[in-house]
Amino acid sequence: ALEVFRSEARLFPYGQAPTGPAPSSFKSASGPVLASAVSERATEARREEPPTPIYGRNLWSEIEKFAVSVSHLAEAHEVDVVHAHDWFTGLVTVMLNELERSGPLAGTASVLTIHNLHHQAKFAGSELALSGLPQSLMRPDGLEDYGAINPLKGGLYHATKVTTVSPTYAREIRTPEGGAGMDAVLSFRGGDLVGILNGIDEEAWNPRSDAHLAATYDER
């Protein structure tokens, strides 16, 4: 899921990543990165190899979606903040830093929220070219995770801020016991890691007194 904000206005609804054909005008500091080319390679790869399901998803489909999402963001222009969630959109924060540093999204900040750190995926390092990202990112303080691509690891290094579901969980994931292999990364980013407790303000969201409701109500 991606959320994109401009002056506090949401351009894409929560839970709905941009869809549709990528704009052919998408350019980046590394040259043209056309999602249509990624899509063509992904289609070819699906014919060549059986699907590799990771949490019900296929490697080629995911990389294709990352490229299309960033292409749509580039078309939107003047985006203040991109809010990414978990490993599925980890590469988006990397693409913002690496492919758009001189493009229309150069000033865009990013937030990556971790809901469950143990949900990660790893792809073969040889497939990095599918994303249009440079090979130089295959290093321990980038995407490289024991020779594989780890989108979440890259996202954690590249996001402007990192948030998670509670202050307690934010502390736990910086320990070897709770860090799911990402404790060193999260300790390094500790100054930018914020735990925000899940839940609602029961007074502000009280249906008996909420002034924003057309009609208040209670359990009766």
C-alpha atoms as a PDB file:
ATOM      1  CA  ALA A   1       0.000   0.000   0.000  1.00  0.00           C
ATOM      2  CA  LEU A   2       1.167   3.497  -0.813  1.00  0.00           C
ATOM      3  CA  GLU A   3      -0.064   6.814   0.483  1.00  0.00           C
ATOM      4  CA  VAL A   4       0.986   9.999  -1.282  1.00  0.00           C
ATOM      5  CA  PHE A   5       0.506  13.405   0.297  1.00  0.00           C
ATOM      6  CA  ARG A   6       0.690  16.920  -1.077  1.00  0.00           C
ATOM      7  CA  SER A   7       0.086  19.712   1.395  1.00  0.00           C
ATOM      8  CA  GLU A   8      -1.730  17.184   3.579  1.00  0.00           C
ATOM      9  CA  ALA A   9      -4.035  16.190   0.711  1.00  0.00           C
ATOM     10  CA  ARG A  10      -4.110  12.497  -0.109  1.00  0.00           C
ATOM     11  CA  LEU A  11      -3.677  11.876  -3.821  1.00  0.00           C
ATOM     12  CA  PHE A  12      -3.964   8.085  -3.744  1.00  0.00           C
ATOM     13  CA  PRO A  13      -6.251   6.298  -1.258  1.00  0.00           C
ATOM     14  CA  TYR A  14      -4.752   4.183   1.495  1.00  0.00           C
ATOM     15  CA  GLY A  15      -4.385   0.600   0.369  1.00  0.00           C
ATOM     16  CA  GLN A  16      -4.569   1.438  -3.326  1.00  0.00           C
ATOM     17  CA  ALA A  17      -1.247   1.727  -5.115  1.00  0.00           C
ATOM     18  CA  PRO A  18      -1.439   3.592  -8.442  1.00  0.00           C
ATOM     19  CA  THR A  19      -2.478   1.330 -11.303  1.00  0.00           C
ATOM     20  CA  GLY A  20      -2.629   1.529 -15.081  1.00  0.00           C
ATOM     21  CA  PRO A  21       0.009   2.045 -17.756  1.00  0.00           C
ATOM     22  CA  ALA A  22       3.121   3.940 -16.744  1.00  0.00           C
ATOM     23  CA  PRO A  23       3.621   7.376 -18.345  1.00  0.00           C
ATOM     24  CA  SER A  24       6.149   7.156 -21.147  1.00  0.00           C
ATOM     25  CA  SER A  25       7.624  10.489 -20.046  1.00  0.00           C
ATOM     26  CA  PHE A  26       9.133   9.037 -16.840  1.00  0.00           C
ATOM     27  CA  LYS A  27      12.800  10.019 -16.695  1.00  0.00           C
ATOM     28  CA  SER A  28      15.379   9.701 -13.950  1.00  0.00           C
ATOM     29  CA  ALA A  29      18.939  10.627 -13.075  1.00  0.00           C
ATOM     30  CA  SER A  30      20.045   7.251 -14.425  1.00  0.00           C
ATOM     31  CA  GLY A  31      18.343   7.817 -17.768  1.00  0.00           C
ATOM     32  CA  PRO A  32      14.925   6.633 -19.022  1.00  0.00           C
ATOM     33  CA  VAL A  33      13.363   4.047 -16.750  1.00  0.00           C
ATOM     34  CA  LEU A  34      10.235   2.901 -18.532  1.00  0.00           C
ATOM     35  CA  ALA A  35       7.894   0.613 -16.648  1.00  0.00           C
ATOM     36  CA  SER A  36       6.724  -0.723 -20.003  1.00  0.00           C
ATOM     37  CA  ALA A  37      10.192  -2.224 -20.518  1.00  0.00           C
ATOM     38  CA  VAL A  38      10.059  -3.760 -17.059  1.00  0.00           C
ATOM     39  CA  SER A  39       6.616  -5.139 -17.871  1.00  0.00           C
ATOM     40  CA  GLU A  40       7.934  -6.713 -21.079  1.00  0.00           C
ATOM     41  CA  ARG A  41      10.810  -8.359 -19.201  1.00  0.00           C
ATOM     42  CA  ALA A  42       8.428  -9.541 -16.493  1.00  0.00           C
ATOM     43  CA  THR A  43       6.135 -11.125 -19.064  1.00  0.00           C
ATOM     44  CA  GLU A  44       9.107 -12.843 -20.685  1.00  0.00           C
ATOM     45  CA  ALA A  45      10.307 -14.081 -17.303  1.00  0.00           C
ATOM     46  CA  ARG A  46       6.917 -15.567 -16.499  1.00  0.00           C
ATOM     47  CA  ARG A  47       7.147 -17.616 -19.691  1.00  0.00           C
ATOM     48  CA  GLU A  48      10.706 -18.725 -18.958  1.00  0.00           C
ATOM     49  CA  GLU A  49      10.336 -19.678 -15.310  1.00  0.00           C
ATOM     50  CA  PRO A  50       7.581 -20.970 -13.041  1.00  0.00           C
ATOM     51  CA  PRO A  51       6.183 -18.440 -10.564  1.00  0.00           C
ATOM     52  CA  THR A  52       8.152 -17.987  -7.356  1.00  0.00           C
ATOM     53  CA  PRO A  53       5.487 -17.285  -4.748  1.00  0.00           C
ATOM     54  CA  ILE A  54       6.563 -15.130  -1.793  1.00  0.00           C
ATOM     55  CA  TYR A  55       3.641 -14.422   0.535  1.00  0.00           C
ATOM     56  CA  GLY A  56       1.424 -15.237  -2.447  1.00  0.00           C
ATOM     57  CA  ARG A  57       3.283 -12.883  -4.773  1.00  0.00           C
ATOM     58  CA  ASN A  58       5.585 -13.421  -7.716  1.00  0.00           C
ATOM     59  CA  LEU A  59       8.976 -11.727  -8.002  1.00  0.00           C
ATOM     60  CA  TRP A  60       8.428 -10.423 -11.518  1.00  0.00           C
ATOM     61  CA  SER A  61       4.975  -9.039 -10.734  1.00  0.00           C
ATOM     62  CA  GLU A  62       6.239  -7.208  -7.659  1.00  0.00           C
ATOM     63  CA  ILE A  63       9.170  -5.520  -9.409  1.00  0.00           C
ATOM     64  CA  GLU A  64       6.838  -4.559 -12.244  1.00  0.00           C
ATOM     65  CA  LYS A  65       4.463  -2.916  -9.755  1.00  0.00           C
ATOM     66  CA  PHE A  66       7.300  -1.022  -8.055  1.00  0.00           C
ATOM     67  CA  ALA A  67       8.358   0.491 -11.374  1.00  0.00           C
ATOM     68  CA  VAL A  68       4.792   1.423 -12.334  1.00  0.00           C
ATOM     69  CA  SER A  69       4.143   2.998  -8.917  1.00  0.00           C
ATOM     70  CA  VAL A  70       7.211   5.228  -9.074  1.00  0.00           C
ATOM     71  CA  SER A  71       6.356   6.173 -12.654  1.00  0.00           C
ATOM     72  CA  HIS A  72       2.934   7.367 -11.515  1.00  0.00           C
ATOM     73  CA  LEU A  73       4.507   9.293  -8.649  1.00  0.00           C
ATOM     74  CA  ALA A  74       6.839  11.046 -11.071  1.00  0.00           C
ATOM     75  CA  GLU A  75       3.853  12.028 -13.186  1.00  0.00           C
ATOM     76  CA  ALA A  76       2.011  13.435 -10.144  1.00  0.00           C
ATOM     77  CA  HIS A  77       4.770  16.024  -9.386  1.00  0.00           C
ATOM     78  CA  GLU A  78       5.008  18.182  -6.240  1.00  0.00           C
ATOM     79  CA  VAL A  79       4.479  15.264  -3.890  1.00  0.00           C
ATOM     80  CA  ASP A  80       5.477  16.158  -0.324  1.00  0.00           C
ATOM     81  CA  VAL A  81       5.504  12.735   1.331  1.00  0.00           C
ATOM     82  CA  VAL A  82       5.249   9.133   0.177  1.00  0.00           C
ATOM     83  CA  HIS A  83       4.124   6.707   2.891  1.00  0.00           C
ATOM     84  CA  ALA A  84       5.127   3.099   2.187  1.00  0.00           C
ATOM     85  CA  HIS A  85       4.134   0.027   4.181  1.00  0.00           C
ATOM     86  CA  ASP A  86       6.224  -3.102   4.826  1.00  0.00           C
ATOM     87  CA  TRP A  87       8.488  -4.915   2.362  1.00  0.00           C
ATOM     88  CA  PHE A  88       6.004  -4.782  -0.519  1.00  0.00           C
ATOM     89  CA  THR A  89       6.776  -1.112  -1.167  1.00  0.00           C
ATOM     90  CA  GLY A  90      10.292  -0.971   0.269  1.00  0.00           C
ATOM     91  CA  LEU A  91      11.825  -0.447  -3.156  1.00  0.00           C
ATOM     92  CA  VAL A  92       9.764   2.704  -3.674  1.00  0.00           C
ATOM     93  CA  THR A  93      11.785   4.646  -1.081  1.00  0.00           C
ATOM     94  CA  VAL A  94      14.979   3.372  -2.712  1.00  0.00           C
ATOM     95  CA  MET A  95      13.783   4.461  -6.157  1.00  0.00           C
ATOM     96  CA  LEU A  96      12.907   7.914  -4.851  1.00  0.00           C
ATOM     97  CA  ASN A  97      16.467   8.399  -3.603  1.00  0.00           C
ATOM     98  CA  GLU A  98      18.324   6.756  -6.453  1.00  0.00           C
ATOM     99  CA  LEU A  99      16.271   7.398  -9.584  1.00  0.00           C
ATOM    100  CA  GLU A 100      14.596  10.697  -8.731  1.00  0.00           C
ATOM    101  CA  ARG A 101      17.375  12.627  -7.014  1.00  0.00           C
ATOM    102  CA  SER A 102      17.464  15.041  -9.952  1.00  0.00           C
ATOM    103  CA  GLY A 103      13.856  14.531 -11.073  1.00  0.00           C
ATOM    104  CA  PRO A 104      10.487  16.029 -10.140  1.00  0.00           C
ATOM    105  CA  LEU A 105      10.411  14.028  -6.885  1.00  0.00           C
ATOM    106  CA  ALA A 106      13.857  15.130  -5.691  1.00  0.00           C
ATOM    107  CA  GLY A 107      12.414  16.973  -2.692  1.00  0.00           C
ATOM    108  CA  THR A 108       9.916  14.276  -1.729  1.00  0.00           C
ATOM    109  CA  ALA A 109      10.255  12.808   1.760  1.00  0.00           C
ATOM    110  CA  SER A 110       9.338   9.213   2.527  1.00  0.00           C
ATOM    111  CA  VAL A 111       8.017   7.286   5.512  1.00  0.00           C
ATOM    112  CA  LEU A 112       8.237   3.502   5.769  1.00  0.00           C
ATOM    113  CA  THR A 113       5.959   1.868   8.331  1.00  0.00           C
ATOM    114  CA  ILE A 114       6.783  -1.590   9.687  1.00  0.00           C
ATOM    115  CA  HIS A 115       3.719  -3.563  10.714  1.00  0.00           C
ATOM    116  CA  ASN A 116       5.477  -6.921  11.141  1.00  0.00           C
ATOM    117  CA  LEU A 117       9.245  -7.018  10.702  1.00  0.00           C
ATOM    118  CA  HIS A 118       9.296 -10.788  10.268  1.00  0.00           C
ATOM    119  CA  HIS A 119       7.430 -10.447   6.973  1.00  0.00           C
ATOM    120  CA  GLN A 120      10.297 -10.037   4.529  1.00  0.00           C
ATOM    121  CA  ALA A 121      11.149 -11.277   1.056  1.00  0.00           C
ATOM    122  CA  LYS A 122      14.441 -11.921  -0.683  1.00  0.00           C
ATOM    123  CA  PHE A 123      15.027 -12.009  -4.410  1.00  0.00           C
ATOM    124  CA  ALA A 124      18.053 -13.140  -6.396  1.00  0.00           C
ATOM    125  CA  GLY A 125      20.692 -10.420  -6.640  1.00  0.00           C
ATOM    126  CA  SER A 126      20.921 -10.990 -10.381  1.00  0.00           C
ATOM    127  CA  GLU A 127      17.425  -9.528 -10.816  1.00  0.00           C
ATOM    128  CA  LEU A 128      18.294  -6.031  -9.605  1.00  0.00           C
ATOM    129  CA  ALA A 129      18.458  -4.774 -13.188  1.00  0.00           C
ATOM    130  CA  LEU A 130      14.700  -5.362 -13.553  1.00  0.00           C
ATOM    131  CA  SER A 131      14.058  -2.442 -11.222  1.00  0.00           C
ATOM    132  CA  GLY A 132      16.336   0.027 -13.020  1.00  0.00           C
ATOM    133  CA  LEU A 133      18.352   0.500  -9.805  1.00  0.00           C
ATOM    134  CA  PRO A 134      22.161   0.617  -9.961  1.00  0.00           C
ATOM    135  CA  GLN A 135      24.299  -2.399  -9.076  1.00  0.00           C
ATOM    136  CA  SER A 136      26.105  -0.246  -6.518  1.00  0.00           C
ATOM    137  CA  LEU A 137      23.141  -0.794  -4.183  1.00  0.00           C
ATOM    138  CA  MET A 138      24.137  -4.432  -3.752  1.00  0.00           C
ATOM    139  CA  ARG A 139      26.061  -3.711  -0.584  1.00  0.00           C
ATOM    140  CA  PRO A 140      25.370  -4.342   3.137  1.00  0.00           C
ATOM    141  CA  ASP A 141      24.154  -0.787   3.743  1.00  0.00           C
ATOM    142  CA  GLY A 142      21.811  -0.995   0.750  1.00  0.00           C
ATOM    143  CA  LEU A 143      19.722  -3.807  -0.681  1.00  0.00           C
ATOM    144  CA  GLU A 144      22.167  -6.682  -0.238  1.00  0.00           C
ATOM    145  CA  ASP A 145      21.260  -9.334   2.316  1.00  0.00           C
ATOM    146  CA  TYR A 146      23.655 -12.305   2.156  1.00  0.00           C
ATOM    147  CA  GLY A 147      23.817 -12.060  -1.631  1.00  0.00           C
ATOM    148  CA  ALA A 148      20.091 -11.532  -2.142  1.00  0.00           C
ATOM    149  CA  ILE A 149      17.936  -8.424  -2.650  1.00  0.00           C
ATOM    150  CA  ASN A 150      15.955  -7.508   0.465  1.00  0.00           C
ATOM    151  CA  PRO A 151      13.450  -4.732  -0.404  1.00  0.00           C
ATOM    152  CA  LEU A 152      12.654  -4.053   3.252  1.00  0.00           C
ATOM    153  CA  LYS A 153      16.309  -3.602   4.168  1.00  0.00           C
ATOM    154  CA  GLY A 154      16.803  -1.155   1.323  1.00  0.00           C
ATOM    155  CA  GLY A 155      13.626   0.668   2.256  1.00  0.00           C
ATOM    156  CA  LEU A 156      14.777   1.055   5.862  1.00  0.00           C
ATOM    157  CA  TYR A 157      18.084   2.565   4.787  1.00  0.00           C
ATOM    158  CA  HIS A 158      16.504   4.952   2.278  1.00  0.00           C
ATOM    159  CA  ALA A 159      13.307   6.139   3.991  1.00  0.00           C
ATOM    160  CA  THR A 160      13.406   9.619   5.498  1.00  0.00           C
ATOM    161  CA  LYS A 161      11.581   8.334   8.584  1.00  0.00           C
ATOM    162  CA  VAL A 162      10.679   4.853   9.824  1.00  0.00           C
ATOM    163  CA  THR A 163       7.609   4.205  11.961  1.00  0.00           C
ATOM    164  CA  THR A 164       6.155   1.147  13.617  1.00  0.00           C
ATOM    165  CA  VAL A 165       3.114   0.118  15.626  1.00  0.00           C
ATOM    166  CA  SER A 166       4.168   1.017  19.165  1.00  0.00           C
ATOM    167  CA  PRO A 167       7.055   2.483  21.182  1.00  0.00           C
ATOM    168  CA  THR A 168       7.618  -0.961  22.712  1.00  0.00           C
ATOM    169  CA  TYR A 169       7.892  -2.644  19.314  1.00  0.00           C
ATOM    170  CA  ALA A 170      10.262   0.100  18.165  1.00  0.00           C
ATOM    171  CA  ARG A 171      12.591  -0.877  20.998  1.00  0.00           C
ATOM    172  CA  GLU A 172      12.173  -4.633  20.468  1.00  0.00           C
ATOM    173  CA  ILE A 173      13.100  -4.594  16.792  1.00  0.00           C
ATOM    174  CA  ARG A 174      16.451  -2.982  17.588  1.00  0.00           C
ATOM    175  CA  THR A 175      17.515  -6.105  19.503  1.00  0.00           C
ATOM    176  CA  PRO A 176      18.957  -9.332  18.034  1.00  0.00           C
ATOM    177  CA  GLU A 177      16.055 -11.249  19.562  1.00  0.00           C
ATOM    178  CA  GLY A 178      13.335  -9.127  17.979  1.00  0.00           C
ATOM    179  CA  GLY A 179      15.075  -7.654  14.971  1.00  0.00           C
ATOM    180  CA  ALA A 180      14.511 -10.466  12.449  1.00  0.00           C
ATOM    181  CA  GLY A 181      17.975  -9.807  11.059  1.00  0.00           C
ATOM    182  CA  MET A 182      17.288  -6.070  10.698  1.00  0.00           C
ATOM    183  CA  ASP A 183      18.360  -4.994  14.216  1.00  0.00           C
ATOM    184  CA  ALA A 184      21.658  -3.494  13.020  1.00  0.00           C
ATOM    185  CA  VAL A 185      19.871  -1.479  10.326  1.00  0.00           C
ATOM    186  CA  LEU A 186      17.214  -0.267  12.753  1.00  0.00           C
ATOM    187  CA  SER A 187      19.790   0.622  15.400  1.00  0.00           C
ATOM    188  CA  PHE A 188      21.622   2.643  12.763  1.00  0.00           C
ATOM    189  CA  ARG A 189      18.356   4.424  11.872  1.00  0.00           C
ATOM    190  CA  GLY A 190      17.329   4.698  15.533  1.00  0.00           C
ATOM    191  CA  GLY A 191      17.197   8.489  15.478  1.00  0.00           C
ATOM    192  CA  ASP A 192      14.607   8.348  12.693  1.00  0.00           C
ATOM    193  CA  LEU A 193      12.616   5.390  14.073  1.00  0.00           C
ATOM    194  CA  VAL A 194       9.351   6.277  15.826  1.00  0.00           C
ATOM    195  CA  GLY A 195       6.892   3.919  17.500  1.00  0.00           C
ATOM    196  CA  ILE A 196       3.293   5.159  17.261  1.00  0.00           C
ATOM    197  CA  LEU A 197       0.810   3.182  19.308  1.00  0.00           C
ATOM    198  CA  ASN A 198      -1.952   1.538  17.285  1.00  0.00           C
ATOM    199  CA  GLY A 199      -5.462   2.483  18.319  1.00  0.00           C
ATOM    200  CA  ILE A 200      -7.869   5.403  18.421  1.00  0.00           C
ATOM    201  CA  ASP A 201      -8.691   8.277  20.750  1.00  0.00           C
ATOM    202  CA  GLU A 202     -11.966   7.028  22.214  1.00  0.00           C
ATOM    203  CA  GLU A 203     -13.124  10.557  23.020  1.00  0.00           C
ATOM    204  CA  ALA A 204     -12.381  12.033  19.598  1.00  0.00           C
ATOM    205  CA  TRP A 205     -13.939   9.022  17.831  1.00  0.00           C
ATOM    206  CA  ASN A 206     -16.892   8.574  20.181  1.00  0.00           C
ATOM    207  CA  PRO A 207     -20.005   8.005  18.014  1.00  0.00           C
ATOM    208  CA  ARG A 208     -22.179   9.395  20.809  1.00  0.00           C
ATOM    209  CA  SER A 209     -20.576  12.854  20.570  1.00  0.00           C
ATOM    210  CA  ASP A 210     -18.586  13.066  17.312  1.00  0.00           C
ATOM    211  CA  ALA A 211     -19.520  16.393  15.722  1.00  0.00           C
ATOM    212  CA  HIS A 212     -18.293  15.197  12.310  1.00  0.00           C
ATOM    213  CA  LEU A 213     -21.035  12.564  12.051  1.00  0.00           C
ATOM    214  CA  ALA A 214     -24.287  13.369  10.284  1.00  0.00           C
ATOM    215  CA  ALA A 215     -26.043  11.773  13.258  1.00  0.00           C
ATOM    216  CA  THR A 216     -24.598  10.490  16.511  1.00  0.00           C
ATOM    217  CA  TYR A 217     -25.494   7.038  17.796  1.00  0.00           C
ATOM    218  CA  ASP A 218     -24.758   4.515  20.523  1.00  0.00           C
ATOM    219  CA  GLU A 219     -24.935   0.740  20.935  1.00  0.00           C
ATOM    220  CA  ARG A 220     -28.717   0.863  21.106  1.00  0.00           C
END
